[in-house]
Amino acid sequence: MNTSIFLLFFYTLGMHPNTLFEKTKIQITTDIASLNYSNDTLLMIQNVKGFLHWYKNNYAKANSFGFTYQDKQGNYQVSMNQGKEYLKFLKSSGFISDKYVDIWLKYFKDKAKYLLENPQNEGPPEGFEFDLVLITQEPELVLNEIDNLQFVVSENDGNKAILQIIGEFGYDIELINENGKWMIEYIATMNYD
């Protein structure tokens, strides 16, 4: 009797019971396909937030490295040894790729050359007047909002991706997939790049 009422209900609506379930099958397949992308995106976000939390917790130490010093004439010079130690410390977070280290090592070398060619004795020396990770003079604004940041993936080929922090801060974070873990290659912001 209950089965008859069930079938009568669907026939009254002009639907065959099997067509109702066909649509459900299509929806489940679509959801599973998007879930794979979502998991990848979630891993990217998790690693970027992980790094930002690590950086916030280690901010004092990360910024204790003396990137520059004044020589006997009072002109600023870049301490390559301190720059390397700083990058080694960031790398110890487990979230930074070798490319990130290479880019910033080149930055230190370029700034060292620039300061030799353009002596500067008043500070802070050019290129070192902001936080080098977040490229801002007020990194605490970002670090105090880590769990509220909004992310979107603008590019992803499975090996390399760009994860954007959207909204007030505007960052593009270039990532590379190394053995299933998304590592940070570069952090760009509208304020600098």
C-alpha atoms as a PDB file:
ATOM      1  CA  MET A   1       0.000   0.000   0.000  1.00  0.00           C
ATOM      2  CA  ASN A   2       2.791   2.454   0.947  1.00  0.00           C
ATOM      3  CA  THR A   3       4.629   1.676  -2.284  1.00  0.00           C
ATOM      4  CA  SER A   4       1.478   2.409  -4.275  1.00  0.00           C
ATOM      5  CA  ILE A   5       1.057   5.789  -2.612  1.00  0.00           C
ATOM      6  CA  PHE A   6       4.737   6.583  -3.295  1.00  0.00           C
ATOM      7  CA  LEU A   7       4.427   5.735  -7.010  1.00  0.00           C
ATOM      8  CA  LEU A   8       1.055   7.506  -7.294  1.00  0.00           C
ATOM      9  CA  PHE A   9       2.667  10.645  -5.836  1.00  0.00           C
ATOM     10  CA  PHE A  10       5.443  10.700  -8.471  1.00  0.00           C
ATOM     11  CA  TYR A  11       3.136   9.857 -11.361  1.00  0.00           C
ATOM     12  CA  THR A  12       0.796  12.652 -10.264  1.00  0.00           C
ATOM     13  CA  LEU A  13       3.696  15.062 -10.421  1.00  0.00           C
ATOM     14  CA  GLY A  14       4.538  13.747 -13.875  1.00  0.00           C
ATOM     15  CA  MET A  15       7.900  12.361 -12.762  1.00  0.00           C
ATOM     16  CA  HIS A  16       9.231   8.894 -13.001  1.00  0.00           C
ATOM     17  CA  PRO A  17      11.021   7.920  -9.742  1.00  0.00           C
ATOM     18  CA  ASN A  18      14.230   6.982 -11.591  1.00  0.00           C
ATOM     19  CA  THR A  19      14.614  10.455 -13.136  1.00  0.00           C
ATOM     20  CA  LEU A  20      14.683  11.963  -9.665  1.00  0.00           C
ATOM     21  CA  PHE A  21      17.707   9.863  -8.794  1.00  0.00           C
ATOM     22  CA  GLU A  22      19.482  10.496 -12.133  1.00  0.00           C
ATOM     23  CA  LYS A  23      19.764  14.175 -11.279  1.00  0.00           C
ATOM     24  CA  THR A  24      21.157  13.264  -7.858  1.00  0.00           C
ATOM     25  CA  LYS A  25      23.834  11.055  -9.475  1.00  0.00           C
ATOM     26  CA  ILE A  26      24.985  13.959 -11.681  1.00  0.00           C
ATOM     27  CA  GLN A  27      25.138  16.305  -8.675  1.00  0.00           C
ATOM     28  CA  ILE A  28      27.211  13.831  -6.623  1.00  0.00           C
ATOM     29  CA  THR A  29      29.683  13.370  -9.502  1.00  0.00           C
ATOM     30  CA  THR A  30      30.067  17.146  -9.886  1.00  0.00           C
ATOM     31  CA  ASP A  31      30.561  17.602  -6.145  1.00  0.00           C
ATOM     32  CA  ILE A  32      33.274  14.915  -6.047  1.00  0.00           C
ATOM     33  CA  ALA A  33      35.123  16.579  -8.955  1.00  0.00           C
ATOM     34  CA  SER A  34      35.059  19.962  -7.223  1.00  0.00           C
ATOM     35  CA  LEU A  35      36.091  18.383  -3.914  1.00  0.00           C
ATOM     36  CA  ASN A  36      39.489  17.442  -5.371  1.00  0.00           C
ATOM     37  CA  TYR A  37      40.110  21.070  -6.316  1.00  0.00           C
ATOM     38  CA  SER A  38      38.865  22.225  -2.937  1.00  0.00           C
ATOM     39  CA  ASN A  39      41.248  19.902  -1.113  1.00  0.00           C
ATOM     40  CA  ASP A  40      44.157  21.306  -3.134  1.00  0.00           C
ATOM     41  CA  THR A  41      43.046  24.836  -2.364  1.00  0.00           C
ATOM     42  CA  LEU A  42      42.606  23.977   1.304  1.00  0.00           C
ATOM     43  CA  LEU A  43      46.157  22.602   1.437  1.00  0.00           C
ATOM     44  CA  MET A  44      47.477  25.834  -0.091  1.00  0.00           C
ATOM     45  CA  ILE A  45      45.567  27.967   2.400  1.00  0.00           C
ATOM     46  CA  GLN A  46      46.600  25.734   5.290  1.00  0.00           C
ATOM     47  CA  ASN A  47      50.289  26.064   4.395  1.00  0.00           C
ATOM     48  CA  VAL A  48      50.150  29.827   3.860  1.00  0.00           C
ATOM     49  CA  LYS A  49      48.301  30.328   7.138  1.00  0.00           C
ATOM     50  CA  GLY A  50      50.742  27.925   8.784  1.00  0.00           C
ATOM     51  CA  PHE A  51      53.636  30.062   7.622  1.00  0.00           C
ATOM     52  CA  LEU A  52      51.967  33.293   8.695  1.00  0.00           C
ATOM     53  CA  HIS A  53      51.287  31.849  12.161  1.00  0.00           C
ATOM     54  CA  TRP A  54      54.891  30.615  12.355  1.00  0.00           C
ATOM     55  CA  TYR A  55      56.139  34.048  11.300  1.00  0.00           C
ATOM     56  CA  LYS A  56      53.939  35.807  13.849  1.00  0.00           C
ATOM     57  CA  ASN A  57      55.209  33.503  16.608  1.00  0.00           C
ATOM     58  CA  ASN A  58      58.825  33.994  15.506  1.00  0.00           C
ATOM     59  CA  TYR A  59      58.576  37.632  14.468  1.00  0.00           C
ATOM     60  CA  ALA A  60      60.990  38.978  17.089  1.00  0.00           C
ATOM     61  CA  LYS A  61      63.715  36.485  16.180  1.00  0.00           C
ATOM     62  CA  ALA A  62      63.156  36.870  12.435  1.00  0.00           C
ATOM     63  CA  ASN A  63      63.621  40.609  12.760  1.00  0.00           C
ATOM     64  CA  SER A  64      66.620  40.433  15.077  1.00  0.00           C
ATOM     65  CA  PHE A  65      69.009  39.779  12.197  1.00  0.00           C
ATOM     66  CA  GLY A  66      71.101  42.809  11.343  1.00  0.00           C
ATOM     67  CA  PHE A  67      70.707  43.065   7.574  1.00  0.00           C
ATOM     68  CA  THR A  68      72.753  46.267   7.459  1.00  0.00           C
ATOM     69  CA  TYR A  69      75.552  47.912   9.392  1.00  0.00           C
ATOM     70  CA  GLN A  70      77.466  51.176   9.120  1.00  0.00           C
ATOM     71  CA  ASP A  71      81.066  51.026   7.947  1.00  0.00           C
ATOM     72  CA  LYS A  72      83.913  53.261   9.271  1.00  0.00           C
ATOM     73  CA  GLN A  73      82.730  56.141   7.063  1.00  0.00           C
ATOM     74  CA  GLY A  74      79.214  55.818   8.496  1.00  0.00           C
ATOM     75  CA  ASN A  75      77.740  54.439   5.265  1.00  0.00           C
ATOM     76  CA  TYR A  76      75.325  51.529   5.303  1.00  0.00           C
ATOM     77  CA  GLN A  77      76.459  48.151   4.000  1.00  0.00           C
ATOM     78  CA  VAL A  78      74.543  44.878   3.675  1.00  0.00           C
ATOM     79  CA  SER A  79      75.596  42.011   5.895  1.00  0.00           C
ATOM     80  CA  MET A  80      75.381  39.032   3.566  1.00  0.00           C
ATOM     81  CA  ASN A  81      76.077  36.648   6.449  1.00  0.00           C
ATOM     82  CA  GLN A  82      73.117  38.007   8.420  1.00  0.00           C
ATOM     83  CA  GLY A  83      70.954  37.865   5.297  1.00  0.00           C
ATOM     84  CA  LYS A  84      71.853  34.201   4.802  1.00  0.00           C
ATOM     85  CA  GLU A  85      71.144  33.411   8.459  1.00  0.00           C
ATOM     86  CA  TYR A  86      67.786  35.163   8.198  1.00  0.00           C
ATOM     87  CA  LEU A  87      66.851  33.127   5.110  1.00  0.00           C
ATOM     88  CA  LYS A  88      68.032  29.926   6.789  1.00  0.00           C
ATOM     89  CA  PHE A  89      65.770  30.775   9.728  1.00  0.00           C
ATOM     90  CA  LEU A  90      62.757  31.380   7.452  1.00  0.00           C
ATOM     91  CA  LYS A  91      63.498  28.121   5.624  1.00  0.00           C
ATOM     92  CA  SER A  92      63.439  26.278   8.960  1.00  0.00           C
ATOM     93  CA  SER A  93      59.701  27.025   9.117  1.00  0.00           C
ATOM     94  CA  GLY A  94      59.130  24.232   6.612  1.00  0.00           C
ATOM     95  CA  PHE A  95      56.927  26.451   4.418  1.00  0.00           C
ATOM     96  CA  ILE A  96      59.530  28.217   2.248  1.00  0.00           C
ATOM     97  CA  SER A  97      60.933  26.843  -1.028  1.00  0.00           C
ATOM     98  CA  ASP A  98      64.519  27.044  -2.223  1.00  0.00           C
ATOM     99  CA  LYS A  99      63.390  29.527  -4.896  1.00  0.00           C
ATOM    100  CA  TYR A 100      62.117  31.896  -2.178  1.00  0.00           C
ATOM    101  CA  VAL A 101      65.551  31.764  -0.549  1.00  0.00           C
ATOM    102  CA  ASP A 102      67.293  32.326  -3.907  1.00  0.00           C
ATOM    103  CA  ILE A 103      65.109  35.343  -4.751  1.00  0.00           C
ATOM    104  CA  TRP A 104      65.836  37.012  -1.419  1.00  0.00           C
ATOM    105  CA  LEU A 105      69.529  36.152  -1.542  1.00  0.00           C
ATOM    106  CA  LYS A 106      69.660  37.953  -4.904  1.00  0.00           C
ATOM    107  CA  TYR A 107      67.773  40.853  -3.290  1.00  0.00           C
ATOM    108  CA  PHE A 108      70.457  41.133  -0.576  1.00  0.00           C
ATOM    109  CA  LYS A 109      73.228  41.009  -3.199  1.00  0.00           C
ATOM    110  CA  ASP A 110      71.533  43.661  -5.342  1.00  0.00           C
ATOM    111  CA  LYS A 111      71.041  45.941  -2.333  1.00  0.00           C
ATOM    112  CA  ALA A 112      74.664  45.429  -1.281  1.00  0.00           C
ATOM    113  CA  LYS A 113      75.805  46.523  -4.734  1.00  0.00           C
ATOM    114  CA  TYR A 114      73.379  49.471  -4.734  1.00  0.00           C
ATOM    115  CA  LEU A 115      74.609  50.744  -1.354  1.00  0.00           C
ATOM    116  CA  LEU A 116      78.238  50.513  -2.506  1.00  0.00           C
ATOM    117  CA  GLU A 117      77.414  52.546  -5.618  1.00  0.00           C
ATOM    118  CA  ASN A 118      75.073  54.953  -3.784  1.00  0.00           C
ATOM    119  CA  PRO A 119      76.461  55.538  -0.298  1.00  0.00           C
ATOM    120  CA  GLN A 120      73.804  56.217   2.310  1.00  0.00           C
ATOM    121  CA  ASN A 121      74.488  57.228   5.897  1.00  0.00           C
ATOM    122  CA  GLU A 122      70.994  58.099   7.069  1.00  0.00           C
ATOM    123  CA  GLY A 123      68.563  55.351   7.782  1.00  0.00           C
ATOM    124  CA  PRO A 124      66.856  53.204   7.455  1.00  0.00           C
ATOM    125  CA  PRO A 125      68.778  52.230   4.344  1.00  0.00           C
ATOM    126  CA  GLU A 126      66.811  51.973   1.121  1.00  0.00           C
ATOM    127  CA  GLY A 127      65.301  48.535   0.643  1.00  0.00           C
ATOM    128  CA  PHE A 128      65.278  47.738   4.355  1.00  0.00           C
ATOM    129  CA  GLU A 129      62.630  50.160   5.569  1.00  0.00           C
ATOM    130  CA  PHE A 130      59.854  47.547   5.610  1.00  0.00           C
ATOM    131  CA  ASP A 131      59.155  44.002   6.722  1.00  0.00           C
ATOM    132  CA  LEU A 132      60.795  41.763   4.138  1.00  0.00           C
ATOM    133  CA  VAL A 133      58.246  38.940   4.410  1.00  0.00           C
ATOM    134  CA  LEU A 134      55.041  40.956   4.124  1.00  0.00           C
ATOM    135  CA  ILE A 135      56.523  43.952   2.291  1.00  0.00           C
ATOM    136  CA  THR A 136      54.933  46.498   4.600  1.00  0.00           C
ATOM    137  CA  GLN A 137      55.873  48.800   7.455  1.00  0.00           C
ATOM    138  CA  GLU A 138      52.892  47.510   9.407  1.00  0.00           C
ATOM    139  CA  PRO A 139      53.080  43.685   9.284  1.00  0.00           C
ATOM    140  CA  GLU A 140      51.027  43.414  12.472  1.00  0.00           C
ATOM    141  CA  LEU A 141      47.941  44.469  10.491  1.00  0.00           C
ATOM    142  CA  VAL A 142      48.188  41.255   8.471  1.00  0.00           C
ATOM    143  CA  LEU A 143      49.523  39.057  11.278  1.00  0.00           C
ATOM    144  CA  ASN A 144      46.661  40.018  13.592  1.00  0.00           C
ATOM    145  CA  GLU A 145      44.111  38.985  10.946  1.00  0.00           C
ATOM    146  CA  ILE A 146      45.530  35.623   9.800  1.00  0.00           C
ATOM    147  CA  ASP A 147      42.422  33.608  10.611  1.00  0.00           C
ATOM    148  CA  ASN A 148      40.140  36.197   8.979  1.00  0.00           C
ATOM    149  CA  LEU A 149      42.004  36.445   5.664  1.00  0.00           C
ATOM    150  CA  GLN A 150      40.091  35.530   2.515  1.00  0.00           C
ATOM    151  CA  PHE A 151      41.845  33.501  -0.185  1.00  0.00           C
ATOM    152  CA  VAL A 152      41.224  32.660  -3.822  1.00  0.00           C
ATOM    153  CA  VAL A 153      43.313  30.607  -6.252  1.00  0.00           C
ATOM    154  CA  SER A 154      43.930  32.625  -9.409  1.00  0.00           C
ATOM    155  CA  GLU A 155      46.153  30.045 -11.140  1.00  0.00           C
ATOM    156  CA  ASN A 156      46.845  26.361 -10.547  1.00  0.00           C
ATOM    157  CA  ASP A 157      48.393  23.874 -12.957  1.00  0.00           C
ATOM    158  CA  GLY A 158      48.888  21.207 -10.290  1.00  0.00           C
ATOM    159  CA  ASN A 159      52.563  22.036  -9.863  1.00  0.00           C
ATOM    160  CA  LYS A 160      52.551  25.827  -9.509  1.00  0.00           C
ATOM    161  CA  ALA A 161      49.809  28.084  -8.249  1.00  0.00           C
ATOM    162  CA  ILE A 162      49.039  31.633  -7.223  1.00  0.00           C
ATOM    163  CA  LEU A 163      46.991  32.019  -4.083  1.00  0.00           C
ATOM    164  CA  GLN A 164      45.646  35.511  -3.583  1.00  0.00           C
ATOM    165  CA  ILE A 165      44.788  37.142  -0.299  1.00  0.00           C
ATOM    166  CA  ILE A 166      41.858  39.282  -1.310  1.00  0.00           C
ATOM    167  CA  GLY A 167      40.371  42.289   0.358  1.00  0.00           C
ATOM    168  CA  GLU A 168      42.186  45.003   2.221  1.00  0.00           C
ATOM    169  CA  PHE A 169      45.706  43.541   2.030  1.00  0.00           C
ATOM    170  CA  GLY A 170      46.050  42.309  -1.563  1.00  0.00           C
ATOM    171  CA  TYR A 171      48.796  39.692  -1.795  1.00  0.00           C
ATOM    172  CA  ASP A 172      49.714  37.203  -4.520  1.00  0.00           C
ATOM    173  CA  ILE A 173      51.493  34.198  -3.063  1.00  0.00           C
ATOM    174  CA  GLU A 174      53.297  32.040  -5.599  1.00  0.00           C
ATOM    175  CA  LEU A 175      53.396  28.390  -4.579  1.00  0.00           C
ATOM    176  CA  ILE A 176      55.057  25.233  -5.847  1.00  0.00           C
ATOM    177  CA  ASN A 177      53.940  21.712  -5.097  1.00  0.00           C
ATOM    178  CA  GLU A 178      56.920  19.808  -3.713  1.00  0.00           C
ATOM    179  CA  ASN A 179      56.125  16.182  -2.908  1.00  0.00           C
ATOM    180  CA  GLY A 180      52.489  16.971  -2.170  1.00  0.00           C
ATOM    181  CA  LYS A 181      53.171  20.051  -0.033  1.00  0.00           C
ATOM    182  CA  TRP A 182      52.547  23.576  -1.309  1.00  0.00           C
ATOM    183  CA  MET A 183      55.672  25.638  -0.592  1.00  0.00           C
ATOM    184  CA  ILE A 184      55.911  29.435  -0.824  1.00  0.00           C
ATOM    185  CA  GLU A 185      58.093  30.654  -3.689  1.00  0.00           C
ATOM    186  CA  TYR A 186      57.324  34.357  -3.530  1.00  0.00           C
ATOM    187  CA  ILE A 187      55.026  36.812  -1.778  1.00  0.00           C
ATOM    188  CA  ALA A 188      54.019  39.829  -3.845  1.00  0.00           C
ATOM    189  CA  THR A 189      51.905  42.796  -2.883  1.00  0.00           C
ATOM    190  CA  MET A 190      50.399  45.762  -4.672  1.00  0.00           C
ATOM    191  CA  ASN A 191      52.451  47.960  -2.355  1.00  0.00           C
ATOM    192  CA  TYR A 192      55.762  46.844  -3.825  1.00  0.00           C
ATOM    193  CA  ASP A 193      55.659  44.668  -6.972  1.00  0.00           C
END
